[in-house]
C-alpha atoms as a PDB file:
ATOM      1  CA  MET A   1     -23.776  -1.933  18.918  1.00  0.00           C
ATOM      2  CA  SER A   2     -23.073   0.727  21.325  1.00  0.00           C
ATOM      3  CA  GLU A   3     -19.641   1.127  23.046  1.00  0.00           C
ATOM      4  CA  GLN A   4     -19.439   0.741  26.645  1.00  0.00           C
ATOM      5  CA  TYR A   5     -16.191   2.588  27.429  1.00  0.00           C
ATOM      6  CA  PRO A   6     -15.314   6.332  26.808  1.00  0.00           C
ATOM      7  CA  VAL A   7     -12.939   7.283  23.926  1.00  0.00           C
ATOM      8  CA  LEU A   8      -9.377   7.446  25.050  1.00  0.00           C
ATOM      9  CA  PRO A   9      -7.627  10.749  25.095  1.00  0.00           C
ATOM     10  CA  GLY A  10      -5.797  11.269  21.644  1.00  0.00           C
ATOM     11  CA  ALA A  11      -8.078   8.708  20.016  1.00  0.00           C
ATOM     12  CA  GLU A  12     -10.613  11.251  18.803  1.00  0.00           C
ATOM     13  CA  PRO A  13     -11.631  11.516  15.042  1.00  0.00           C
ATOM     14  CA  PHE A  14     -10.284  14.426  13.163  1.00  0.00           C
ATOM     15  CA  TYR A  15     -12.176  16.655  10.528  1.00  0.00           C
ATOM     16  CA  ALA A  16     -11.156  19.694   8.560  1.00  0.00           C
ATOM     17  CA  GLU A  17     -13.317  21.506   6.063  1.00  0.00           C
ATOM     18  CA  ASN A  18     -11.289  23.144   3.236  1.00  0.00           C
ATOM     19  CA  GLY A  19     -11.427  22.856  -0.361  1.00  0.00           C
ATOM     20  CA  PRO A  20     -13.280  20.767  -3.011  1.00  0.00           C
ATOM     21  CA  VAL A  21     -10.922  17.870  -2.865  1.00  0.00           C
ATOM     22  CA  GLY A  22     -11.210  15.448   0.118  1.00  0.00           C
ATOM     23  CA  VAL A  23      -9.035  12.784   1.797  1.00  0.00           C
ATOM     24  CA  LEU A  24     -10.538  10.158   3.862  1.00  0.00           C
ATOM     25  CA  LEU A  25      -7.890   8.442   6.174  1.00  0.00           C
ATOM     26  CA  VAL A  26      -8.220   5.060   7.875  1.00  0.00           C
ATOM     27  CA  HIS A  27      -6.364   3.868  10.833  1.00  0.00           C
ATOM     28  CA  GLY A  28      -5.413   0.188  11.500  1.00  0.00           C
ATOM     29  CA  PHE A  29      -6.485  -2.780  13.681  1.00  0.00           C
ATOM     30  CA  THR A  30      -6.485  -2.188  17.353  1.00  0.00           C
ATOM     31  CA  GLY A  31      -5.194   1.435  16.631  1.00  0.00           C
ATOM     32  CA  THR A  32      -6.781   4.792  16.728  1.00  0.00           C
ATOM     33  CA  PRO A  33      -6.950   7.963  14.623  1.00  0.00           C
ATOM     34  CA  HIS A  34      -3.689   8.932  16.594  1.00  0.00           C
ATOM     35  CA  SER A  35      -1.636   6.853  14.107  1.00  0.00           C
ATOM     36  CA  MET A  36      -2.888   8.908  11.074  1.00  0.00           C
ATOM     37  CA  ARG A  37      -3.204  12.316  12.851  1.00  0.00           C
ATOM     38  CA  PRO A  38       0.130  13.832  11.438  1.00  0.00           C
ATOM     39  CA  LEU A  39      -1.026  12.956   7.908  1.00  0.00           C
ATOM     40  CA  ALA A  40      -4.485  14.405   8.498  1.00  0.00           C
ATOM     41  CA  GLU A  41      -3.190  17.511   9.828  1.00  0.00           C
ATOM     42  CA  ALA A  42      -0.639  17.829   6.959  1.00  0.00           C
ATOM     43  CA  TYR A  43      -3.353  17.397   4.393  1.00  0.00           C
ATOM     44  CA  ALA A  44      -5.600  19.925   5.959  1.00  0.00           C
ATOM     45  CA  LYS A  45      -2.647  22.363   6.071  1.00  0.00           C
ATOM     46  CA  ALA A  46      -2.259  21.807   2.349  1.00  0.00           C
ATOM     47  CA  GLY A  47      -5.829  22.765   1.645  1.00  0.00           C
ATOM     48  CA  TYR A  48      -7.700  19.475   1.480  1.00  0.00           C
ATOM     49  CA  THR A  49     -10.860  18.714   3.281  1.00  0.00           C
ATOM     50  CA  VAL A  50      -9.968  15.866   5.677  1.00  0.00           C
ATOM     51  CA  CYS A  51     -11.969  13.122   7.442  1.00  0.00           C
ATOM     52  CA  LEU A  52     -10.175  10.795   9.911  1.00  0.00           C
ATOM     53  CA  PRO A  53     -12.963   8.568  11.552  1.00  0.00           C
ATOM     54  CA  ARG A  54     -12.462   6.378  14.657  1.00  0.00           C
ATOM     55  CA  LEU A  55     -13.389   2.899  13.614  1.00  0.00           C
ATOM     56  CA  LYS A  56     -16.145   1.245  15.708  1.00  0.00           C
ATOM     57  CA  GLY A  57     -14.774  -0.578  18.769  1.00  0.00           C
ATOM     58  CA  HIS A  58     -11.466   1.133  18.532  1.00  0.00           C
ATOM     59  CA  GLY A  59      -9.911   3.805  20.760  1.00  0.00           C
ATOM     60  CA  THR A  60     -11.999   2.920  23.874  1.00  0.00           C
ATOM     61  CA  HIS A  61     -11.344  -0.635  25.319  1.00  0.00           C
ATOM     62  CA  TYR A  62     -10.591  -3.945  23.675  1.00  0.00           C
ATOM     63  CA  GLU A  63     -13.916  -5.385  25.050  1.00  0.00           C
ATOM     64  CA  ASP A  64     -15.678  -2.874  22.860  1.00  0.00           C
ATOM     65  CA  MET A  65     -13.586  -4.081  19.819  1.00  0.00           C
ATOM     66  CA  GLU A  66     -14.367  -7.723  20.699  1.00  0.00           C
ATOM     67  CA  ARG A  67     -18.075  -7.153  20.033  1.00  0.00           C
ATOM     68  CA  THR A  68     -17.623  -5.475  16.633  1.00  0.00           C
ATOM     69  CA  THR A  69     -17.386  -7.155  13.192  1.00  0.00           C
ATOM     70  CA  PHE A  70     -15.531  -6.054  10.143  1.00  0.00           C
ATOM     71  CA  HIS A  71     -18.920  -4.794   8.867  1.00  0.00           C
ATOM     72  CA  ASP A  72     -18.885  -2.261  11.662  1.00  0.00           C
ATOM     73  CA  TRP A  73     -15.418  -1.194  10.646  1.00  0.00           C
ATOM     74  CA  ILE A  74     -16.527  -0.865   7.087  1.00  0.00           C
ATOM     75  CA  ALA A  75     -19.600   1.167   8.094  1.00  0.00           C
ATOM     76  CA  SER A  76     -17.311   3.613  10.018  1.00  0.00           C
ATOM     77  CA  VAL A  77     -15.316   4.172   6.865  1.00  0.00           C
ATOM     78  CA  GLU A  78     -18.344   4.636   4.616  1.00  0.00           C
ATOM     79  CA  GLU A  79     -19.792   7.190   7.153  1.00  0.00           C
ATOM     80  CA  GLY A  80     -16.625   9.088   6.623  1.00  0.00           C
ATOM     81  CA  PHE A  81     -16.863   8.757   2.881  1.00  0.00           C
ATOM     82  CA  GLU A  82     -20.549  10.094   2.998  1.00  0.00           C
ATOM     83  CA  TRP A  83     -19.312  13.106   5.089  1.00  0.00           C
ATOM     84  CA  LEU A  84     -16.754  14.034   2.454  1.00  0.00           C
ATOM     85  CA  LYS A  85     -19.215  13.419  -0.534  1.00  0.00           C
ATOM     86  CA  LYS A  86     -21.392  16.179   0.902  1.00  0.00           C
ATOM     87  CA  ARG A  87     -18.491  18.550   0.677  1.00  0.00           C
ATOM     88  CA  CYS A  88     -16.131  17.410  -2.114  1.00  0.00           C
ATOM     89  CA  GLN A  89     -16.197  16.513  -5.848  1.00  0.00           C
ATOM     90  CA  THR A  90     -13.065  14.535  -5.603  1.00  0.00           C
ATOM     91  CA  ILE A  91     -12.026  12.058  -2.928  1.00  0.00           C
ATOM     92  CA  PHE A  92      -8.934  10.179  -2.159  1.00  0.00           C
ATOM     93  CA  VAL A  93      -8.490   7.463   0.573  1.00  0.00           C
ATOM     94  CA  THR A  94      -5.306   6.708   2.542  1.00  0.00           C
ATOM     95  CA  GLY A  95      -5.061   3.797   4.958  1.00  0.00           C
ATOM     96  CA  LEU A  96      -2.476   2.133   7.317  1.00  0.00           C
ATOM     97  CA  SER A  97      -2.336  -1.535   7.854  1.00  0.00           C
ATOM     98  CA  MET A  98      -6.051  -2.737   8.190  1.00  0.00           C
ATOM     99  CA  GLY A  99      -6.901   0.790   7.257  1.00  0.00           C
ATOM    100  CA  GLY A 100      -5.128  -0.086   3.949  1.00  0.00           C
ATOM    101  CA  THR A 101      -7.372  -3.207   3.650  1.00  0.00           C
ATOM    102  CA  LEU A 102     -10.466  -1.105   4.295  1.00  0.00           C
ATOM    103  CA  THR A 103      -9.141   1.463   1.689  1.00  0.00           C
ATOM    104  CA  LEU A 104      -8.892  -1.306  -1.020  1.00  0.00           C
ATOM    105  CA  TYR A 105     -12.349  -2.417  -0.020  1.00  0.00           C
ATOM    106  CA  MET A 106     -13.574   1.144  -0.736  1.00  0.00           C
ATOM    107  CA  ALA A 107     -11.767   1.283  -3.981  1.00  0.00           C
ATOM    108  CA  GLU A 108     -13.363  -2.100  -5.020  1.00  0.00           C
ATOM    109  CA  ARG A 109     -16.826  -0.860  -4.226  1.00  0.00           C
ATOM    110  CA  TYR A 110     -16.775   2.837  -5.098  1.00  0.00           C
ATOM    111  CA  PRO A 111     -15.240   3.524  -8.515  1.00  0.00           C
ATOM    112  CA  SER A 112     -15.777   7.337  -8.053  1.00  0.00           C
ATOM    113  CA  ILE A 113     -12.765   7.391  -5.689  1.00  0.00           C
ATOM    114  CA  ARG A 114     -10.063   9.256  -7.474  1.00  0.00           C
ATOM    115  CA  GLY A 115      -6.990   7.460  -6.039  1.00  0.00           C
ATOM    116  CA  ILE A 116      -5.723   5.501  -3.003  1.00  0.00           C
ATOM    117  CA  VAL A 117      -2.677   5.543  -0.804  1.00  0.00           C
ATOM    118  CA  LEU A 118      -1.774   2.394   0.993  1.00  0.00           C
ATOM    119  CA  ILE A 119       0.794   2.176   4.054  1.00  0.00           C
ATOM    120  CA  ASN A 120       1.786  -1.346   4.966  1.00  0.00           C
ATOM    121  CA  ALA A 121      -1.680  -2.561   3.902  1.00  0.00           C
ATOM    122  CA  ALA A 122      -2.734  -6.106   4.903  1.00  0.00           C
ATOM    123  CA  ILE A 123      -4.371  -8.712   2.800  1.00  0.00           C
ATOM    124  CA  ASP A 124      -2.642 -11.895   3.950  1.00  0.00           C
ATOM    125  CA  ILE A 125      -0.996 -12.484   7.320  1.00  0.00           C
ATOM    126  CA  PRO A 126       0.088 -16.149   7.491  1.00  0.00           C
ATOM    127  CA  ALA A 127       0.636 -15.925  11.323  1.00  0.00           C
ATOM    128  CA  ILE A 128      -3.097 -15.236  11.813  1.00  0.00           C
ATOM    129  CA  ARG A 129      -4.129 -17.876   9.386  1.00  0.00           C
ATOM    130  CA  ALA A 130      -1.954 -20.455  11.070  1.00  0.00           C
ATOM    131  CA  GLY A 131      -3.055 -19.416  14.545  1.00  0.00           C
ATOM    132  CA  LEU A 132      -6.823 -19.518  13.692  1.00  0.00           C
ATOM    133  CA  ALA A 133      -6.467 -22.783  11.763  1.00  0.00           C
ATOM    134  CA  GLY A 134      -4.581 -24.546  14.485  1.00  0.00           C
ATOM    135  CA  GLY A 135      -7.645 -26.195  15.882  1.00  0.00           C
ATOM    136  CA  GLY A 136      -6.606 -25.843  19.558  1.00  0.00           C
ATOM    137  CA  GLU A 137      -8.357 -23.678  22.068  1.00  0.00           C
ATOM    138  CA  LEU A 138      -7.098 -20.153  21.542  1.00  0.00           C
ATOM    139  CA  PRO A 139      -7.073 -17.596  24.538  1.00  0.00           C
ATOM    140  CA  ARG A 140      -9.723 -14.958  24.441  1.00  0.00           C
ATOM    141  CA  TYR A 141      -7.069 -12.246  24.280  1.00  0.00           C
ATOM    142  CA  LEU A 142      -3.630 -12.171  22.671  1.00  0.00           C
ATOM    143  CA  ASP A 143      -0.764  -9.733  23.209  1.00  0.00           C
ATOM    144  CA  SER A 144      -0.860  -6.293  21.606  1.00  0.00           C
ATOM    145  CA  ILE A 145       0.242  -5.743  18.157  1.00  0.00           C
ATOM    146  CA  GLY A 146       0.484  -1.965  18.329  1.00  0.00           C
ATOM    147  CA  SER A 147       3.533   0.341  18.438  1.00  0.00           C
ATOM    148  CA  ASP A 148       5.875  -1.463  15.871  1.00  0.00           C
ATOM    149  CA  LEU A 149       8.090   1.596  15.558  1.00  0.00           C
ATOM    150  CA  LYS A 150      11.673   1.822  14.752  1.00  0.00           C
ATOM    151  CA  ASN A 151      11.767   5.195  16.510  1.00  0.00           C
ATOM    152  CA  PRO A 152      12.228   4.341  20.299  1.00  0.00           C
ATOM    153  CA  ASP A 153      10.849   7.892  21.338  1.00  0.00           C
ATOM    154  CA  VAL A 154       7.398   7.334  19.786  1.00  0.00           C
ATOM    155  CA  LYS A 155       4.528   5.217  20.986  1.00  0.00           C
ATOM    156  CA  GLU A 156       1.351   4.403  19.266  1.00  0.00           C
ATOM    157  CA  LEU A 157      -2.018   4.656  20.919  1.00  0.00           C
ATOM    158  CA  ALA A 158      -3.259   1.158  20.577  1.00  0.00           C
ATOM    159  CA  TYR A 159      -4.897  -1.604  22.684  1.00  0.00           C
ATOM    160  CA  GLU A 160      -2.670  -3.566  25.020  1.00  0.00           C
ATOM    161  CA  LYS A 161      -4.555  -6.813  24.190  1.00  0.00           C
ATOM    162  CA  THR A 162      -5.975  -8.091  20.921  1.00  0.00           C
ATOM    163  CA  PRO A 163      -9.268 -10.117  20.923  1.00  0.00           C
ATOM    164  CA  THR A 164      -8.956 -13.258  19.227  1.00  0.00           C
ATOM    165  CA  ALA A 165     -12.582 -12.882  17.882  1.00  0.00           C
ATOM    166  CA  SER A 166     -11.477  -9.541  16.190  1.00  0.00           C
ATOM    167  CA  LEU A 167      -8.557 -11.424  14.516  1.00  0.00           C
ATOM    168  CA  LEU A 168     -11.049 -13.734  13.042  1.00  0.00           C
ATOM    169  CA  GLN A 169     -13.030 -10.721  11.727  1.00  0.00           C
ATOM    170  CA  LEU A 170      -9.736  -9.285  10.265  1.00  0.00           C
ATOM    171  CA  ALA A 171      -9.017 -12.587   8.535  1.00  0.00           C
ATOM    172  CA  ARG A 172     -12.392 -12.546   6.913  1.00  0.00           C
ATOM    173  CA  LEU A 173     -12.054  -8.932   5.781  1.00  0.00           C
ATOM    174  CA  MET A 174      -8.621  -9.683   4.271  1.00  0.00           C
ATOM    175  CA  GLU A 175      -9.887 -12.742   2.471  1.00  0.00           C
ATOM    176  CA  GLN A 176     -12.779 -10.843   0.863  1.00  0.00           C
ATOM    177  CA  VAL A 177     -10.641  -7.839  -0.157  1.00  0.00           C
ATOM    178  CA  LYS A 178      -7.821 -10.052  -1.587  1.00  0.00           C
ATOM    179  CA  GLY A 179     -10.454 -11.853  -3.659  1.00  0.00           C
ATOM    180  CA  GLU A 180     -11.582  -8.650  -5.493  1.00  0.00           C
ATOM    181  CA  LEU A 181      -8.378  -6.931  -6.030  1.00  0.00           C
ATOM    182  CA  GLU A 182      -8.992  -6.810  -9.750  1.00  0.00           C
ATOM    183  CA  ARG A 183     -11.876  -4.423  -9.212  1.00  0.00           C
ATOM    184  CA  VAL A 184      -9.271  -1.713  -8.149  1.00  0.00           C
ATOM    185  CA  THR A 185      -8.719   0.525 -11.310  1.00  0.00           C
ATOM    186  CA  CYS A 186      -7.971   3.888  -9.750  1.00  0.00           C
ATOM    187  CA  PRO A 187      -4.399   5.286  -9.268  1.00  0.00           C
ATOM    188  CA  ILE A 188      -2.718   3.741  -6.386  1.00  0.00           C
ATOM    189  CA  LEU A 189       0.425   4.781  -4.392  1.00  0.00           C
ATOM    190  CA  ILE A 190       1.836   1.907  -2.140  1.00  0.00           C
ATOM    191  CA  PHE A 191       4.239   2.486   0.734  1.00  0.00           C
ATOM    192  CA  VAL A 192       5.885  -0.594   2.239  1.00  0.00           C
ATOM    193  CA  SER A 193       8.410  -0.738   5.117  1.00  0.00           C
ATOM    194  CA  ASN A 194      11.368  -3.109   4.282  1.00  0.00           C
ATOM    195  CA  GLU A 195      11.200  -4.267   7.901  1.00  0.00           C
ATOM    196  CA  ASP A 196       7.663  -4.866   9.269  1.00  0.00           C
ATOM    197  CA  HIS A 197       6.946  -7.102  12.275  1.00  0.00           C
ATOM    198  CA  VAL A 198       3.164  -7.150  11.891  1.00  0.00           C
ATOM    199  CA  VAL A 199       2.291  -7.375   8.097  1.00  0.00           C
ATOM    200  CA  PRO A 200       4.827  -9.162   5.819  1.00  0.00           C
ATOM    201  CA  PRO A 201       6.129  -6.675   3.221  1.00  0.00           C
ATOM    202  CA  GLU A 202       5.272  -9.249   0.577  1.00  0.00           C
ATOM    203  CA  ASN A 203       1.605  -8.056   0.961  1.00  0.00           C
ATOM    204  CA  ALA A 204       2.558  -4.919  -1.004  1.00  0.00           C
ATOM    205  CA  ASP A 205       4.030  -6.904  -3.899  1.00  0.00           C
ATOM    206  CA  LEU A 206       0.925  -9.042  -4.063  1.00  0.00           C
ATOM    207  CA  ILE A 207      -1.419  -5.929  -4.164  1.00  0.00           C
ATOM    208  CA  PHE A 208       0.873  -4.345  -6.739  1.00  0.00           C
ATOM    209  CA  GLN A 209       0.805  -7.430  -8.987  1.00  0.00           C
ATOM    210  CA  ARG A 210      -2.912  -8.103  -8.632  1.00  0.00           C
ATOM    211  CA  ILE A 211      -4.496  -4.743  -9.193  1.00  0.00           C
ATOM    212  CA  PRO A 212      -5.152  -3.853 -12.728  1.00  0.00           C
ATOM    213  CA  SER A 213      -4.670  -0.049 -12.278  1.00  0.00           C
ATOM    214  CA  ALA A 214      -2.808   1.501 -15.145  1.00  0.00           C
ATOM    215  CA  GLN A 215      -1.232   3.944 -12.697  1.00  0.00           C
ATOM    216  CA  LYS A 216       0.498   2.410  -9.682  1.00  0.00           C
ATOM    217  CA  GLU A 217       3.653   3.076  -7.903  1.00  0.00           C
ATOM    218  CA  MET A 218       5.552   1.522  -5.049  1.00  0.00           C
ATOM    219  CA  VAL A 219       7.720   3.509  -2.557  1.00  0.00           C
ATOM    220  CA  ARG A 220       9.926   1.252  -0.174  1.00  0.00           C
ATOM    221  CA  LEU A 221      10.471   2.894   3.284  1.00  0.00           C
ATOM    222  CA  GLN A 222      14.122   2.194   4.452  1.00  0.00           C
ATOM    223  CA  ASN A 223      13.732   3.653   7.959  1.00  0.00           C
ATOM    224  CA  SER A 224      10.458   2.549   9.513  1.00  0.00           C
ATOM    225  CA  TYR A 225       8.588  -0.463  10.922  1.00  0.00           C
ATOM    226  CA  HIS A 226       4.851  -1.188  10.615  1.00  0.00           C
ATOM    227  CA  VAL A 227       3.454   2.106  11.988  1.00  0.00           C
ATOM    228  CA  ALA A 228       5.325   4.139   9.423  1.00  0.00           C
ATOM    229  CA  THR A 229       3.014   7.157   9.753  1.00  0.00           C
ATOM    230  CA  LEU A 230       4.492   7.801  13.220  1.00  0.00           C
ATOM    231  CA  ASP A 231       8.077   6.641  12.303  1.00  0.00           C
ATOM    232  CA  TYR A 232      11.105   8.252  10.795  1.00  0.00           C
ATOM    233  CA  ASP A 233       9.767   7.943   7.180  1.00  0.00           C
ATOM    234  CA  GLN A 234       6.631  10.048   8.100  1.00  0.00           C
ATOM    235  CA  PRO A 235       7.994  13.104   6.147  1.00  0.00           C
ATOM    236  CA  VAL A 236       8.401  11.033   2.970  1.00  0.00           C
ATOM    237  CA  ILE A 237       4.881   9.612   3.318  1.00  0.00           C
ATOM    238  CA  ILE A 238       3.356  13.000   3.569  1.00  0.00           C
ATOM    239  CA  GLU A 239       5.426  14.558   0.814  1.00  0.00           C
ATOM    240  CA  ARG A 240       4.888  11.719  -1.749  1.00  0.00           C
ATOM    241  CA  SER A 241       1.045  11.370  -0.838  1.00  0.00           C
ATOM    242  CA  LEU A 242       0.599  15.117  -1.395  1.00  0.00           C
ATOM    243  CA  GLU A 243       2.297  14.920  -4.688  1.00  0.00           C
ATOM    244  CA  PHE A 244       0.024  12.039  -5.596  1.00  0.00           C
ATOM    245  CA  PHE A 245      -3.047  13.846  -4.722  1.00  0.00           C
ATOM    246  CA  ALA A 246      -1.939  17.073  -6.589  1.00  0.00           C
ATOM    247  CA  LYS A 247      -1.217  14.790  -9.636  1.00  0.00           C
ATOM    248  CA  HIS A 248      -4.516  12.998  -9.832  1.00  0.00           C
ATOM    249  CA  ALA A 249      -6.915  15.532  -8.517  1.00  0.00           C
ATOM    250  CA  ASP A 250      -7.577  17.186 -11.834  1.00  0.00           C
END
């Protein structure tokens, strides 16, 4: 599927070639690389080789997104993973929201991944399930879910509408990933905002309980909403994730 709209300014992917340890970053549903850019730049500055792809159908127009499936989004992440594999011996993956869902998918499928960092990752959103199971005729587009930030001075670059067809794809992706959590055995660092108006914080507890990894840690963010990577706790996420990479890279 080719996209019909140009890439929005600020939604471009980000790459940095540095050392032998790589980090793949994955942005969220209806979002763009913009939400993960500060982390990508901080990881690159710390000497990591970094790949932050733009998911297919994202960062252009919601009509482009409407024509994609979750398999397209997975393919975008796998392309980034292949780019890193050509350059790095060791690879970590970091994801926000649906990016966290896709990060879990990668850890379920690729045991060579050294460790993963999840930020308000989504595996079960009851509101989506209820809406899609309602049986009634749903509108083609719903309101935007982007920019759930505590900091009033920051805005996330995200679509102003959410295609209902894409929500169905997200629901299928979450269901598949949730059903295979026991396959995640690598070290995992989970960030969860205490207040999140998009993904219920209970998702983090469910992931933490269900994955069998021997090395797992949860960090609760006190001062951010859903898009924590652009919010007040951004320095905490950067600092703790860099510590995690350093600890598990060897």
